[in-house]
Amino acid sequence: MSRCKVKILLDTDIGSDIDDAVTLAYLLAQARCDLLGITTVSGLPIERAMVASAICNAANLNIPIIPGAEKPLDGPIRQPKVPQTEVLTRWPHETVFSDVSATEFMAETIRSNPGEVILLAVGQMTNIADLFTSHPDIPSLVKSLHMMLGRFTDRQPEAPNSEWNVHCDPASAAIIYSADISSKIARHTSIGLDVTKDVMMTTAKIEQHFTHPILEPVLEMYHTGDRKYMTFHDPLAAVTLFDDSICDYERGTATVNRLKGRDDGAIDWSPNSNGPHNVAVTVDPNRFFDSYFGVFG
């Protein structure tokens, strides 16, 4: 893979599960990442922006942070709380953010960098769906769409059929997968629950490895929950942007089903070498962890 800088817009529901914060820390430490901005999504987006700001401050980086959509396109807010704000009294952070909409910020940034920006989306797809529908020229201008989203096989039979990011806004996910972008976006890639569940680390190892200054507030955020381990769902999506040998992929067509209850947003996956969607099917956990922690020196 090219060693040049990679321009990224991060769309995240940071502040609930810990893996979003772990993802942001990685992007801030990754020398090849040119992080153009962060947009937040899901319940209390301003509080989520504060959490992101604390991590950016720990990295001594001034990254634009724009609060985005709070409510999903359809249905209830399924993630209304931001428990990681508990640590903010101990970490400097911004409390006032631009009143420009997240969608307009993303659109302007992409138009200023045509064909160069990767949209990295690791939360519910509300902001991205709004971007695609409000600005139909954008899919032809982005370099790729890269997501932690979906569940494409039955490798985890005990879990709901609907992965959480899809479940929080199935209508938006349906827009993302049904959009006619196969000939416009170079890669429409999903890193799903099928592979992210294979990259886990115990609390003892988290405490051993999270020693870099950028990871210090993240470690405090980790301890706001009663966790015995962490699954690196979102970080896997980020790291594969810089090391594409970590996962193997399969092309095909993903269709979001609108069901009722815990499986609302389940995905039907049809493999097809000419399909519009790219889905991770295997992961090398050791290579992932080497790549992730390698950026922290």
Protein backbone atom coordinates (compact mmCIF):
# COMPACT_ATOMS: atom_id res chain seq x y z
CA MET A 1 0.00 0.00 0.00
CA SER A 2 1.16 3.54 -0.74
CA ARG A 3 3.06 5.31 2.05
CA CYS A 4 1.58 8.74 1.25
CA LYS A 5 -0.75 10.63 3.56
CA VAL A 6 -4.35 9.41 3.66
CA LYS A 7 -7.05 12.07 3.98
CA ILE A 8 -9.82 10.91 6.29
CA LEU A 9 -13.11 12.21 7.63
CA LEU A 10 -14.16 10.27 10.75
CA ASP A 11 -17.87 9.90 11.52
CA THR A 12 -18.31 8.40 14.97
CA ASP A 13 -20.66 7.74 17.88
CA ILE A 14 -17.74 8.15 20.30
CA GLY A 15 -18.57 8.21 24.00
CA SER A 16 -20.68 5.06 24.36
CA ASP A 17 -18.68 1.92 23.57
CA ILE A 18 -14.94 2.39 24.05
CA ASP A 19 -13.76 1.27 20.61
CA ASP A 20 -14.54 4.65 19.01
CA ALA A 21 -12.13 6.40 21.36
CA VAL A 22 -9.51 3.73 20.66
CA THR A 23 -10.00 4.38 16.94
CA LEU A 24 -9.56 8.14 17.27
CA ALA A 25 -6.36 7.70 19.31
CA TYR A 26 -4.95 5.50 16.55
CA LEU A 27 -5.77 7.99 13.80
CA LEU A 28 -4.16 10.82 15.77
CA ALA A 29 -0.98 8.78 16.30
CA GLN A 30 -0.83 7.39 12.75
CA ALA A 31 1.79 9.50 10.92
CA ARG A 32 0.20 8.69 7.56
CA CYS A 33 -3.24 9.93 8.59
CA ASP A 34 -4.34 13.40 7.57
CA LEU A 35 -7.47 13.66 9.72
CA LEU A 36 -9.49 16.47 8.13
CA GLY A 37 -12.31 16.43 10.63
CA ILE A 38 -14.52 14.49 13.03
CA THR A 39 -18.32 14.40 12.96
CA THR A 40 -20.38 12.89 15.75
CA VAL A 41 -23.65 11.02 15.55
CA SER A 42 -26.26 9.45 17.88
CA GLY A 43 -27.71 10.72 21.17
CA LEU A 44 -26.15 13.88 22.67
CA PRO A 45 -23.78 14.62 19.77
CA ILE A 46 -22.29 17.70 21.50
CA GLU A 47 -21.23 15.60 24.48
CA ARG A 48 -19.73 13.11 22.03
CA ALA A 49 -17.80 15.99 20.45
CA MET A 50 -16.41 16.86 23.89
CA VAL A 51 -15.12 13.31 24.32
CA ALA A 52 -13.42 13.51 20.93
CA SER A 53 -11.95 16.90 21.86
CA ALA A 54 -10.36 15.50 25.03
CA ILE A 55 -8.49 12.88 23.02
CA CYS A 56 -7.41 15.41 20.38
CA ASN A 57 -6.13 17.66 23.17
CA ALA A 58 -4.12 14.78 24.60
CA ALA A 59 -2.49 14.49 21.17
CA ASN A 60 -1.90 18.28 21.00
CA LEU A 61 -3.80 18.40 17.73
CA ASN A 62 -6.50 20.87 16.70
CA ILE A 63 -8.91 18.83 14.58
CA PRO A 64 -12.27 20.28 13.48
CA ILE A 65 -15.05 18.53 15.42
CA ILE A 66 -18.64 18.97 14.29
CA PRO A 67 -21.63 17.59 16.20
CA GLY A 68 -23.99 15.80 13.82
CA ALA A 69 -27.35 14.09 13.86
CA GLU A 70 -28.84 13.02 17.16
CA LYS A 71 -31.95 11.24 15.91
CA PRO A 72 -31.93 8.37 13.41
CA LEU A 73 -33.69 8.77 10.11
CA ASP A 74 -36.49 6.53 11.36
CA GLY A 75 -37.28 5.09 14.78
CA PRO A 76 -36.17 5.82 18.35
CA ILE A 77 -32.77 7.00 19.61
CA ARG A 78 -31.25 3.68 20.61
CA GLN A 79 -28.06 5.14 22.10
CA PRO A 80 -29.14 8.15 24.20
CA LYS A 81 -26.31 8.31 26.77
CA VAL A 82 -22.60 9.20 26.67
CA PRO A 83 -21.07 7.53 29.73
CA GLN A 84 -17.47 8.46 28.88
CA THR A 85 -18.17 12.13 29.64
CA GLU A 86 -17.53 11.05 33.22
CA VAL A 87 -13.77 11.54 32.72
CA LEU A 88 -13.98 15.00 31.14
CA THR A 89 -13.43 16.89 34.39
CA ARG A 90 -9.87 15.53 34.34
CA TRP A 91 -9.03 16.18 30.68
CA PRO A 92 -9.02 19.57 28.90
CA HIS A 93 -11.54 19.75 26.07
CA GLU A 94 -13.62 22.15 24.02
CA THR A 95 -17.23 22.75 25.00
CA VAL A 96 -18.39 24.98 22.15
CA PHE A 97 -18.34 23.78 18.56
CA SER A 98 -19.17 25.18 15.14
CA ASP A 99 -22.87 25.46 14.37
CA VAL A 100 -22.31 24.38 10.75
CA SER A 101 -24.09 21.10 10.08
CA ALA A 102 -22.01 17.94 9.93
CA THR A 103 -23.39 17.21 6.48
CA GLU A 104 -22.36 20.61 5.12
CA PHE A 105 -18.92 20.32 6.71
CA MET A 106 -18.33 16.92 5.11
CA ALA A 107 -19.61 18.09 1.74
CA GLU A 108 -17.39 21.19 1.73
CA THR A 109 -14.33 19.21 2.82
CA ILE A 110 -14.83 16.57 0.13
CA ARG A 111 -15.42 19.15 -2.59
CA SER A 112 -12.19 20.87 -1.57
CA ASN A 113 -10.32 17.56 -1.93
CA PRO A 114 -11.99 15.79 -4.87
CA GLY A 115 -11.12 12.12 -5.19
CA GLU A 116 -8.88 12.18 -2.13
CA VAL A 117 -11.05 11.79 0.99
CA ILE A 118 -11.94 8.49 2.65
CA LEU A 119 -15.14 8.55 4.68
CA LEU A 120 -14.49 6.36 7.72
CA ALA A 121 -17.86 5.73 9.39
CA VAL A 122 -17.92 3.79 12.67
CA GLY A 123 -21.32 4.69 14.10
CA GLN A 124 -24.89 4.66 12.87
CA MET A 125 -25.11 5.87 9.27
CA THR A 126 -27.39 8.91 9.79
CA ASN A 127 -24.82 11.56 8.87
CA ILE A 128 -23.57 9.65 5.84
CA ALA A 129 -27.08 8.92 4.55
CA ASP A 130 -27.96 12.61 4.90
CA LEU A 131 -24.75 13.53 3.08
CA PHE A 132 -25.51 11.23 0.15
CA THR A 133 -29.14 12.30 -0.19
CA SER A 134 -28.59 16.04 0.36
CA HIS A 135 -25.50 16.24 -1.85
CA PRO A 136 -25.86 13.70 -4.68
CA ASP A 137 -22.56 14.80 -6.22
CA ILE A 138 -20.54 13.65 -3.20
CA PRO A 139 -20.38 9.90 -4.03
CA SER A 140 -18.53 10.81 -7.23
CA LEU A 141 -16.05 12.95 -5.32
CA VAL A 142 -14.96 10.76 -2.39
CA LYS A 143 -12.10 8.30 -2.65
CA SER A 144 -13.96 5.56 -0.76
CA LEU A 145 -16.46 4.73 1.95
CA HIS A 146 -15.05 2.51 4.70
CA MET A 147 -17.33 1.37 7.55
CA MET A 148 -17.52 -0.73 10.67
CA LEU A 149 -20.98 -1.96 9.85
CA GLY A 150 -23.06 -5.10 9.49
CA ARG A 151 -23.02 -8.80 10.07
CA PHE A 152 -22.76 -10.88 6.92
CA THR A 153 -22.55 -14.51 8.04
CA ASP A 154 -23.82 -16.73 10.87
CA ARG A 155 -20.35 -17.09 12.42
CA GLN A 156 -21.72 -15.61 15.68
CA PRO A 157 -25.02 -17.48 16.13
CA GLU A 158 -25.61 -16.24 19.67
CA ALA A 159 -25.67 -12.57 18.57
CA PRO A 160 -28.61 -10.66 17.09
CA ASN A 161 -28.71 -10.80 13.31
CA SER A 162 -28.50 -7.02 13.21
CA GLU A 163 -25.13 -5.44 14.06
CA TRP A 164 -25.44 -2.47 16.43
CA ASN A 165 -24.49 0.36 14.04
CA VAL A 166 -27.07 -0.86 11.53
CA HIS A 167 -29.65 -1.51 14.25
CA CYS A 168 -29.40 2.09 15.54
CA ASP A 169 -30.55 3.46 12.18
CA PRO A 170 -31.56 0.74 9.70
CA ALA A 171 -33.16 3.24 7.33
CA SER A 172 -29.88 5.11 6.90
CA ALA A 173 -27.93 1.89 6.44
CA ALA A 174 -30.40 0.90 3.73
CA ILE A 175 -29.68 4.16 1.91
CA ILE A 176 -25.94 3.52 2.09
CA TYR A 177 -26.17 0.01 0.68
CA SER A 178 -28.81 0.78 -1.94
CA ALA A 179 -27.19 3.94 -3.27
CA ASP A 180 -26.07 3.69 -6.90
CA ILE A 181 -22.40 4.29 -6.16
CA SER A 182 -20.68 1.16 -7.39
CA SER A 183 -19.21 2.96 -10.40
CA LYS A 184 -18.38 6.11 -8.48
CA ILE A 185 -16.77 5.10 -5.20
CA ALA A 186 -13.54 3.18 -5.66
CA ARG A 187 -14.29 0.96 -2.67
CA HIS A 188 -17.47 0.54 -0.64
CA THR A 189 -16.07 -1.56 2.20
CA SER A 190 -17.70 -2.99 5.32
CA ILE A 191 -15.74 -4.41 8.23
CA GLY A 192 -18.46 -6.40 9.96
CA LEU A 193 -19.07 -8.15 13.24
CA ASP A 194 -18.06 -11.43 11.59
CA VAL A 195 -14.39 -10.44 11.76
CA THR A 196 -14.21 -7.71 14.42
CA LYS A 197 -15.21 -10.23 17.09
CA ASP A 198 -11.87 -11.96 16.50
CA VAL A 199 -9.78 -9.00 17.70
CA MET A 200 -10.15 -8.90 21.47
CA MET A 201 -7.92 -7.95 24.39
CA THR A 202 -8.34 -8.49 28.14
CA THR A 203 -8.38 -5.64 30.65
CA ALA A 204 -4.98 -6.70 31.98
CA LYS A 205 -3.44 -6.41 28.52
CA ILE A 206 -5.28 -3.13 27.86
CA GLU A 207 -3.69 -1.65 30.99
CA GLN A 208 -0.31 -2.99 29.91
CA HIS A 209 -0.48 -1.50 26.40
CA PHE A 210 -2.39 1.77 26.88
CA THR A 211 0.55 3.79 28.20
CA HIS A 212 1.08 6.38 25.45
CA PRO A 213 -0.08 9.93 26.36
CA ILE A 214 -2.80 9.84 23.68
CA LEU A 215 -4.13 6.59 25.16
CA GLU A 216 -4.20 7.81 28.77
CA PRO A 217 -7.64 9.48 28.58
CA VAL A 218 -8.87 6.50 26.55
CA LEU A 219 -7.81 4.15 29.35
CA GLU A 220 -9.82 6.23 31.82
CA MET A 221 -12.79 6.05 29.47
CA TYR A 222 -12.33 2.28 29.28
CA HIS A 223 -12.71 2.05 33.04
CA THR A 224 -16.03 3.94 33.07
CA GLY A 225 -17.60 0.57 32.23
CA ASP A 226 -17.33 -2.73 34.05
CA ARG A 227 -15.30 -4.38 31.30
CA LYS A 228 -13.27 -7.57 31.41
CA TYR A 229 -12.14 -7.25 27.80
CA MET A 230 -12.48 -5.04 24.75
CA THR A 231 -13.34 -5.95 21.17
CA PHE A 232 -11.57 -3.71 18.66
CA HIS A 233 -14.55 -3.35 16.30
CA ASP A 234 -13.97 0.20 15.04
CA PRO A 235 -10.16 0.20 15.27
CA LEU A 236 -10.05 -2.72 12.84
CA ALA A 237 -11.86 -0.60 10.26
CA ALA A 238 -9.33 2.21 10.77
CA VAL A 239 -6.17 0.11 10.74
CA THR A 240 -7.14 -1.72 7.54
CA LEU A 241 -6.96 1.62 5.74
CA PHE A 242 -3.21 1.60 6.31
CA ASP A 243 -2.53 -2.14 6.13
CA ASP A 244 -4.83 -3.90 3.70
CA SER A 245 -3.23 -7.29 4.36
CA ILE A 246 -4.92 -7.60 7.77
CA CYS A 247 -8.22 -8.77 6.27
CA ASP A 248 -9.32 -10.81 3.28
CA TYR A 249 -12.37 -9.56 1.41
CA GLU A 250 -15.29 -10.77 -0.66
CA ARG A 251 -17.38 -8.78 -3.11
CA GLY A 252 -21.13 -9.00 -3.36
CA THR A 253 -24.40 -7.21 -2.67
CA ALA A 254 -25.65 -6.26 0.80
CA THR A 255 -29.34 -5.59 1.40
CA VAL A 256 -30.69 -4.20 4.67
CA ASN A 257 -33.88 -5.83 5.91
CA ARG A 258 -36.36 -3.83 7.95
CA LEU A 259 -37.59 -6.22 10.63
CA LYS A 260 -39.10 -5.68 14.07
CA GLY A 261 -37.35 -6.06 17.40
CA ARG A 262 -33.73 -7.02 18.02
CA ASP A 263 -33.09 -8.04 14.40
CA ASP A 264 -34.24 -4.77 12.80
CA GLY A 265 -31.52 -3.99 10.29
CA ALA A 266 -30.32 -7.51 9.57
CA ILE A 267 -28.33 -7.75 6.34
CA ASP A 268 -28.73 -10.23 3.51
CA TRP A 269 -25.38 -10.89 1.85
CA SER A 270 -25.11 -12.27 -1.68
CA PRO A 271 -21.51 -12.97 -2.84
CA ASN A 272 -20.82 -11.82 -6.39
CA SER A 273 -17.41 -11.00 -7.82
CA ASN A 274 -18.95 -8.04 -9.65
CA GLY A 275 -21.03 -6.83 -6.69
CA PRO A 276 -20.93 -3.21 -5.52
CA HIS A 277 -19.92 -3.95 -1.92
CA ASN A 278 -16.67 -5.17 -0.40
CA VAL A 279 -16.90 -7.13 2.87
CA ALA A 280 -14.14 -8.40 5.17
CA VAL A 281 -14.33 -12.18 5.64
CA THR A 282 -11.16 -13.02 7.61
CA VAL A 283 -8.76 -11.17 9.89
CA ASP A 284 -5.21 -11.75 11.15
CA PRO A 285 -5.46 -10.63 14.81
CA ASN A 286 -1.71 -10.64 15.45
CA ARG A 287 -1.03 -8.46 12.43
CA PHE A 288 -3.82 -6.13 13.50
CA PHE A 289 -2.42 -5.62 17.00
CA ASP A 290 1.11 -5.14 15.64
CA SER A 291 -0.20 -2.49 13.26
CA TYR A 292 -2.40 -0.78 15.84
CA PHE A 293 0.16 -0.44 18.62
CA GLY A 294 3.04 0.11 16.22
CA VAL A 295 1.98 3.72 15.59
CA PHE A 296 2.41 4.65 19.26
CA GLY A 297 6.13 3.90 19.23
